[in-house]
């Protein structure tokens, strides 16, 4: 918006230009005729000058109102969009904060990001959609993931980070469900596996979804392969939950207990394991 001083300068400047133009026209006409009295010429042009001045002021007033209204609408739209974006971000933050605290709900460690990551990506999606309505959550994941890997590669190159080699799972937990009716049964909740420290009860893996490996008319077999990399030495036990044929099974033990320990072999310290049968 212009200041009062700038507005006055604009108005008087336009008036001065109109006066000069009219004066030149009038003066030229007077010189051509050579007989028109100055008083008569001034009387005729004074009305024209006044009319032009009033028209200029009225036009300026209308233009000023139009511009103010236009700018005001833009500001209101921007404020509304800004409030909507911030509302969406706050909403996703609230959802992300509540998610881990939902009763009897857990995010699978092997497939899901933490709620903090999900909330951050959702916030990026909200801002991106405001700029480009065709933006999608999948595009956000692609862009954020690509940039994260690029940043990680840069940190590794500068020796500010490192990437561990992938380790193949070295132990397989197997669950067999037998004695099912010859027909009419279905898997309603596939088995999920949790692993606990036998001595402390602390979970080292929770709710890993097991994979179906074999099926007959009256039985079904599931397995899940576990990598012990980074797991502290100790004794571990696995439990499973599932619902098949309308029969829920909760916290059934899976196989034997598993003891993980260090061992010296060929002058190297390696992590190994052995099973401990139930007494």
Protein backbone atom coordinates (compact mmCIF):
# COMPACT_ATOMS: atom_id res chain seq x y z
CA UNK A 1 0.00 0.00 0.00
CA UNK A 2 1.23 3.56 -0.84
CA UNK A 3 1.86 6.12 1.88
CA UNK A 4 -0.30 9.29 2.15
CA UNK A 5 2.60 11.40 0.88
CA UNK A 6 3.01 9.23 -2.22
CA UNK A 7 -0.72 9.38 -2.92
CA UNK A 8 -0.73 13.21 -2.76
CA UNK A 9 2.26 13.43 -5.07
CA UNK A 10 0.50 11.15 -7.56
CA UNK A 11 -2.74 13.19 -7.51
CA UNK A 12 -1.06 16.59 -7.86
CA UNK A 13 1.28 15.24 -10.50
CA UNK A 14 -1.65 14.05 -12.62
CA UNK A 15 -3.41 17.40 -12.13
CA UNK A 16 -0.28 19.30 -13.19
CA UNK A 17 0.08 17.19 -16.34
CA UNK A 18 -3.55 17.82 -17.26
CA UNK A 19 -3.12 21.58 -16.71
CA UNK A 20 0.00 21.70 -18.85
CA UNK A 21 -1.61 19.72 -21.69
CA UNK A 22 -4.74 21.83 -21.65
CA UNK A 23 -2.70 25.01 -21.44
CA UNK A 24 -0.65 24.03 -24.47
CA UNK A 25 -3.77 23.16 -26.44
CA UNK A 26 -5.44 26.40 -25.41
CA UNK A 27 -2.36 28.47 -26.15
CA UNK A 28 -1.99 26.97 -29.59
CA UNK A 29 -5.64 27.63 -30.37
CA UNK A 30 -5.27 31.24 -29.19
CA UNK A 31 -2.24 31.81 -31.36
CA UNK A 32 -4.05 30.42 -34.38
CA UNK A 33 -7.16 32.53 -33.95
CA UNK A 34 -5.33 35.64 -32.80
CA UNK A 35 -8.57 37.31 -31.78
CA UNK A 36 -9.86 35.22 -28.83
CA UNK A 37 -9.72 37.24 -25.64
CA UNK A 38 -7.66 35.80 -22.82
CA UNK A 39 -10.55 36.02 -20.34
CA UNK A 40 -12.86 34.09 -22.67
CA UNK A 41 -10.19 31.41 -23.28
CA UNK A 42 -9.53 31.08 -19.57
CA UNK A 43 -13.25 30.77 -18.82
CA UNK A 44 -13.69 27.95 -21.33
CA UNK A 45 -10.63 26.02 -20.23
CA UNK A 46 -11.26 26.48 -16.52
CA UNK A 47 -14.35 24.30 -16.74
CA UNK A 48 -12.40 21.66 -18.72
CA UNK A 49 -9.61 21.74 -16.15
CA UNK A 50 -12.03 21.35 -13.27
CA UNK A 51 -13.88 18.54 -14.98
CA UNK A 52 -10.64 16.71 -15.80
CA UNK A 53 -9.38 17.17 -12.24
CA UNK A 54 -12.60 15.81 -10.71
CA UNK A 55 -12.55 12.89 -13.17
CA UNK A 56 -8.95 12.13 -12.26
CA UNK A 57 -9.73 12.15 -8.54
CA UNK A 58 -12.79 9.94 -9.04
CA UNK A 59 -10.85 7.50 -11.22
CA UNK A 60 -8.02 7.40 -8.72
CA UNK A 61 -10.50 6.75 -5.89
CA UNK A 62 -12.11 3.89 -7.79
CA UNK A 63 -8.74 2.39 -8.70
CA UNK A 64 -7.58 2.66 -5.09
CA UNK A 65 -10.73 0.88 -3.82
CA UNK A 66 -10.33 -1.86 -6.44
CA UNK A 67 -6.68 -2.43 -5.60
CA UNK A 68 -7.33 -2.45 -1.86
CA UNK A 69 -10.18 -4.93 -2.30
CA UNK A 70 -8.07 -7.13 -4.58
CA UNK A 71 -5.08 -7.13 -2.21
CA UNK A 72 -7.34 -7.73 0.78
CA UNK A 73 -8.84 -10.82 -0.88
CA UNK A 74 -5.39 -12.17 -1.70
CA UNK A 75 -4.24 -11.68 1.89
CA UNK A 76 -7.35 -13.43 3.22
CA UNK A 77 -6.85 -16.37 0.86
CA UNK A 78 -3.19 -16.68 1.82
CA UNK A 79 -4.03 -16.53 5.51
CA UNK A 80 -6.71 -19.19 5.08
CA UNK A 81 -4.36 -21.47 3.16
CA UNK A 82 -1.59 -20.91 5.71
CA UNK A 83 -3.95 -21.76 8.56
CA UNK A 84 -5.16 -24.86 6.72
CA UNK A 85 -1.60 -26.09 6.12
CA UNK A 86 -0.61 -25.55 9.73
CA UNK A 87 -3.81 -27.26 10.87
CA UNK A 88 -2.96 -30.31 8.74
CA UNK A 89 0.59 -30.40 10.13
CA UNK A 90 -0.68 -30.15 13.70
CA UNK A 91 -3.24 -32.88 12.97
CA UNK A 92 -0.58 -35.27 11.62
CA UNK A 93 1.66 -34.54 14.60
CA UNK A 94 -1.18 -35.37 16.97
CA UNK A 95 -1.92 -38.60 15.10
CA UNK A 96 1.76 -39.55 15.14
CA UNK A 97 2.01 -38.87 18.87
CA UNK A 98 -1.12 -40.90 19.64
CA UNK A 99 -0.28 -43.85 17.37
CA UNK A 100 2.26 -45.59 19.68
CA UNK A 101 -0.09 -45.18 22.63
CA UNK A 102 -3.16 -46.79 21.08
CA UNK A 103 -4.27 -49.71 23.26
CA UNK A 104 -3.10 -53.11 22.00
CA UNK A 105 -1.50 -51.66 18.89
CA UNK A 106 2.15 -51.88 17.78
CA UNK A 107 3.96 -50.89 14.60
CA UNK A 108 5.77 -53.84 13.09
CA UNK A 109 9.51 -53.21 13.38
CA UNK A 110 10.37 -54.85 10.09
CA UNK A 111 7.93 -52.90 7.89
CA UNK A 112 7.08 -49.55 9.44
CA UNK A 113 8.84 -46.27 10.06
CA UNK A 114 8.64 -44.63 13.44
CA UNK A 115 5.78 -42.22 14.08
CA UNK A 116 8.28 -39.32 14.05
CA UNK A 117 9.34 -40.13 10.49
CA UNK A 118 5.75 -40.63 9.36
CA UNK A 119 4.75 -37.27 10.89
CA UNK A 120 7.65 -35.43 9.25
CA UNK A 121 6.83 -36.89 5.83
CA UNK A 122 3.16 -35.98 6.30
CA UNK A 123 4.13 -32.37 7.08
CA UNK A 124 6.27 -32.24 3.92
CA UNK A 125 3.32 -33.62 1.95
CA UNK A 126 1.00 -30.89 3.29
CA UNK A 127 3.32 -28.07 2.22
CA UNK A 128 4.04 -29.71 -1.14
CA UNK A 129 0.34 -30.18 -1.90
CA UNK A 130 -0.25 -26.47 -1.22
CA UNK A 131 2.27 -25.66 -3.96
CA UNK A 132 1.40 -28.52 -6.32
CA UNK A 133 -2.09 -30.06 -5.90
CA UNK A 134 -0.95 -33.16 -7.85
CA UNK A 135 1.67 -34.01 -5.22
CA UNK A 136 1.08 -37.36 -3.46
CA UNK A 137 2.31 -39.03 -0.24
CA UNK A 138 4.10 -41.60 -2.42
CA UNK A 139 6.00 -38.78 -4.15
CA UNK A 140 6.98 -37.42 -0.72
CA UNK A 141 8.38 -40.81 0.33
CA UNK A 142 10.30 -41.04 -2.93
CA UNK A 143 11.79 -37.55 -2.63
CA UNK A 144 12.63 -37.77 1.09
CA UNK A 145 14.08 -41.27 0.73
CA UNK A 146 16.24 -40.27 -2.22
CA UNK A 147 17.59 -37.22 -0.39
CA UNK A 148 18.23 -39.25 2.78
CA UNK A 149 20.28 -41.81 0.86
CA UNK A 150 22.17 -39.02 -0.91
CA UNK A 151 22.97 -37.38 2.44
CA UNK A 152 24.05 -40.72 3.92
CA UNK A 153 26.37 -41.35 0.97
CA UNK A 154 27.92 -37.90 1.47
CA UNK A 155 28.51 -38.53 5.18
CA UNK A 156 30.07 -41.91 4.44
CA UNK A 157 32.39 -40.29 1.88
CA UNK A 158 33.50 -37.74 4.50
CA UNK A 159 34.03 -40.54 7.05
CA UNK A 160 31.27 -39.05 9.20
CA UNK A 161 29.15 -42.18 8.93
CA UNK A 162 29.35 -45.80 7.86
CA UNK A 163 27.10 -48.43 6.35
CA UNK A 164 27.02 -51.93 7.69
CA UNK A 165 26.91 -54.83 5.29
CA UNK A 166 23.61 -56.62 5.20
CA UNK A 167 23.64 -59.84 7.18
CA UNK A 168 21.54 -62.79 6.13
CA UNK A 169 19.22 -64.15 8.84
CA UNK A 170 20.86 -67.08 10.59
CA UNK A 171 18.04 -68.64 12.59
CA UNK A 172 14.58 -69.76 11.55
CA UNK A 173 11.58 -69.87 13.85
CA UNK A 174 8.91 -72.34 12.64
CA UNK A 175 5.26 -72.65 13.66
CA UNK A 176 3.06 -75.54 12.52
CA UNK A 177 -0.71 -75.49 12.96
CA UNK A 178 -2.11 -79.02 12.67
CA UNK A 179 -5.42 -80.75 13.22
CA UNK A 180 -7.49 -78.26 11.28
CA UNK A 181 -10.87 -79.37 9.87
CA UNK A 182 -10.78 -80.78 6.37
CA UNK A 183 -12.78 -77.81 5.07
CA UNK A 184 -14.18 -74.46 6.11
CA UNK A 185 -11.16 -72.96 7.88
CA UNK A 186 -9.39 -69.74 6.99
CA UNK A 187 -6.48 -67.69 8.26
CA UNK A 188 -8.04 -64.67 9.93
CA UNK A 189 -4.93 -63.30 11.66
CA UNK A 190 -1.60 -64.57 10.32
CA UNK A 191 0.91 -65.48 13.04
CA UNK A 192 3.07 -62.68 14.42
CA UNK A 193 6.22 -63.53 16.34
CA UNK A 194 7.79 -61.77 19.33
CA UNK A 195 11.16 -62.64 20.90
CA UNK A 196 11.99 -61.96 24.55
CA UNK A 197 15.04 -62.20 26.76
CA UNK A 198 14.33 -65.20 28.98
CA UNK A 199 16.02 -63.65 32.02
CA UNK A 200 14.78 -60.06 31.84
CA UNK A 201 11.57 -60.36 29.84
CA UNK A 202 12.69 -57.50 27.56
CA UNK A 203 11.51 -57.77 23.95
CA UNK A 204 14.18 -57.72 21.25
CA UNK A 205 11.67 -58.25 18.43
CA UNK A 206 7.93 -57.61 18.48
CA UNK A 207 5.12 -58.73 16.21
CA UNK A 208 7.12 -59.84 13.19
CA UNK A 209 4.71 -61.18 10.57
CA UNK A 210 5.52 -64.82 9.77
CA UNK A 211 5.45 -66.19 6.21
CA UNK A 212 3.39 -69.14 5.08
CA UNK A 213 5.70 -71.84 3.72
CA UNK A 214 3.47 -74.91 3.37
CA UNK A 215 -0.20 -75.84 3.48
CA UNK A 216 -2.26 -79.03 3.39
CA UNK A 217 -5.98 -79.69 3.76
CA UNK A 218 -5.65 -79.87 7.57
CA UNK A 219 -2.43 -78.03 8.41
CA UNK A 220 -0.41 -74.92 7.68
CA UNK A 221 3.24 -74.08 8.30
CA UNK A 222 4.78 -70.67 8.97
CA UNK A 223 8.36 -69.48 9.42
CA UNK A 224 10.33 -66.33 10.16
CA UNK A 225 14.07 -65.91 9.76
CA UNK A 226 15.95 -63.93 12.37
CA UNK A 227 19.32 -62.21 12.22
CA UNK A 228 21.13 -62.23 15.57
CA UNK A 229 23.40 -59.37 14.57
CA UNK A 230 23.54 -56.86 17.41
CA UNK A 231 21.54 -59.06 19.78
CA UNK A 232 23.18 -59.30 23.25
CA UNK A 233 24.31 -62.66 24.51
CA UNK A 234 21.65 -64.44 26.52
CA UNK A 235 18.78 -66.88 26.34
CA UNK A 236 15.75 -66.04 24.24
CA UNK A 237 12.26 -67.39 23.77
CA UNK A 238 9.74 -66.73 21.00
CA UNK A 239 5.97 -66.55 21.29
CA UNK A 240 3.34 -66.37 18.58
CA UNK A 241 -0.23 -65.06 18.21
CA UNK A 242 -2.68 -66.00 15.47
CA UNK A 243 -6.31 -66.77 14.66
CA UNK A 244 -7.11 -69.64 12.31
CA UNK A 245 -10.50 -71.25 11.80
CA UNK A 246 -12.03 -68.93 14.35
CA UNK A 247 -9.69 -70.15 17.09
CA UNK A 248 -7.40 -67.47 18.57
CA UNK A 249 -4.02 -68.58 19.90
CA UNK A 250 -2.19 -66.13 22.17
CA UNK A 251 1.44 -66.26 23.37
CA UNK A 252 2.14 -69.84 22.31
CA UNK A 253 5.82 -70.74 22.65
CA UNK A 254 7.71 -71.43 19.43
CA UNK A 255 10.29 -74.22 19.37
CA UNK A 256 13.02 -74.42 21.98
CA UNK A 257 14.73 -71.64 23.86
CA UNK A 258 17.72 -70.16 22.07
CA UNK A 259 21.02 -69.37 23.74
CA UNK A 260 23.28 -66.83 22.04
CA UNK A 261 26.93 -66.57 23.12
CA UNK A 262 30.41 -65.62 21.92
CA UNK A 263 32.89 -68.23 20.81
CA UNK A 264 36.54 -68.21 19.77
CA UNK A 265 37.05 -70.02 16.52
CA UNK A 266 40.18 -69.95 14.33
CA UNK A 267 41.51 -67.04 16.39
CA UNK A 268 38.31 -65.07 15.73
CA UNK A 269 35.51 -64.16 18.09
CA UNK A 270 32.19 -65.08 16.57
CA UNK A 271 28.56 -65.06 17.69
CA UNK A 272 26.96 -68.47 17.78
CA UNK A 273 23.95 -70.17 19.34
CA UNK A 274 22.50 -73.40 20.62
CA UNK A 275 19.00 -74.54 21.47
CA UNK A 276 17.92 -75.40 25.01
CA UNK A 277 15.11 -77.95 25.23
CA UNK A 278 12.24 -77.23 27.57
CA UNK A 279 12.50 -79.14 30.85
